[in-house]
């Protein structure tokens, strides 16, 4: 994704918020803030996935089956809601 397309997407998102007119320095400050928030979200997701994988190795077989059952139910719900 080029920087221009990222600029267009961010500008489109910012235009949806009433009373928010970004131009010049304010645009770049808002973009930097969103980038920092996205970085924290991605780092948090990686940490949660790593802890989940580490916990999976210490599970009992019944605990692992419960995890698979919960994952299957969650995927079915997401599959129903998304379309």
Protein backbone atom coordinates (compact mmCIF):
# COMPACT_ATOMS: atom_id res chain seq x y z
CA UNK A 1 0.00 0.00 0.00
CA UNK A 2 1.48 3.31 -1.02
CA UNK A 3 1.66 6.36 1.23
CA UNK A 4 -0.83 8.17 -0.99
CA UNK A 5 -3.46 5.43 -0.59
CA UNK A 6 -2.91 5.44 3.20
CA UNK A 7 -3.37 9.23 3.09
CA UNK A 8 -6.65 8.86 1.18
CA UNK A 9 -8.00 6.20 3.54
CA UNK A 10 -7.12 8.22 6.63
CA UNK A 11 -8.60 11.38 5.09
CA UNK A 12 -11.80 9.49 4.28
CA UNK A 13 -12.06 8.20 7.87
CA UNK A 14 -11.38 11.66 9.30
CA UNK A 15 -14.04 13.26 7.11
CA UNK A 16 -16.70 10.97 8.63
CA UNK A 17 -16.19 12.50 12.09
CA UNK A 18 -18.32 15.65 12.42
CA UNK A 19 -16.43 18.80 13.30
CA UNK A 20 -13.06 17.32 12.40
CA UNK A 21 -11.22 19.27 9.71
CA UNK A 22 -7.66 18.08 9.33
CA UNK A 23 -5.12 20.05 7.38
CA UNK A 24 -1.39 20.61 7.59
CA UNK A 25 0.24 19.78 10.90
CA UNK A 26 -2.98 18.61 12.58
CA UNK A 27 -3.40 15.94 9.92
CA UNK A 28 0.07 14.53 10.52
CA UNK A 29 -0.32 14.65 14.31
CA UNK A 30 -3.62 12.78 14.11
CA UNK A 31 -2.09 10.27 11.70
CA UNK A 32 0.85 9.71 14.07
CA UNK A 33 -1.57 9.18 16.98
CA UNK A 34 -3.58 6.61 15.05
CA UNK A 35 -0.36 4.85 14.02
CA UNK A 36 0.76 4.65 17.65
CA UNK A 37 -2.62 3.25 18.73
CA UNK A 38 -2.54 0.64 15.96
CA UNK A 39 1.01 -0.33 16.98
CA UNK A 40 -0.09 -0.86 20.59
CA UNK A 41 -3.07 -2.91 19.44
CA UNK A 42 -0.91 -5.14 17.24
CA UNK A 43 1.68 -5.60 20.01
CA UNK A 44 -1.07 -6.52 22.47
CA UNK A 45 -2.51 -9.02 20.02
CA UNK A 46 0.90 -10.65 19.52
CA UNK A 47 1.39 -10.91 23.29
CA UNK A 48 -2.05 -12.48 23.78
CA UNK A 49 -1.43 -14.99 20.99
CA UNK A 50 1.99 -15.91 22.42
CA UNK A 51 0.53 -16.44 25.90
CA UNK A 52 -2.28 -18.50 24.43
CA UNK A 53 0.13 -20.71 22.53
CA UNK A 54 2.27 -21.18 25.63
CA UNK A 55 -0.79 -22.10 27.69
CA UNK A 56 -1.92 -24.60 25.04
CA UNK A 57 1.14 -26.79 25.62
CA UNK A 58 0.33 -27.10 29.33
CA UNK A 59 -3.32 -28.08 28.82
CA UNK A 60 -4.86 -31.40 29.65
CA UNK A 61 -6.54 -33.24 26.78
CA UNK A 62 -10.00 -32.31 28.08
CA UNK A 63 -8.96 -28.67 28.40
CA UNK A 64 -7.68 -28.73 24.83
CA UNK A 65 -10.97 -30.20 23.59
CA UNK A 66 -12.86 -27.46 25.45
CA UNK A 67 -10.65 -24.88 23.75
CA UNK A 68 -11.36 -26.38 20.34
CA UNK A 69 -15.09 -26.44 21.10
CA UNK A 70 -15.06 -22.77 22.14
CA UNK A 71 -13.03 -21.84 19.06
CA UNK A 72 -15.46 -23.72 16.80
CA UNK A 73 -18.46 -21.99 18.36
CA UNK A 74 -16.78 -18.59 18.04
CA UNK A 75 -15.98 -19.20 14.37
CA UNK A 76 -19.58 -20.25 13.64
CA UNK A 77 -20.89 -17.09 15.32
CA UNK A 78 -18.45 -14.92 13.36
CA UNK A 79 -19.44 -16.72 10.16
CA UNK A 80 -23.10 -15.94 10.84
CA UNK A 81 -22.55 -12.29 11.77
CA UNK A 82 -20.03 -11.25 9.08
CA UNK A 83 -22.03 -11.73 5.85
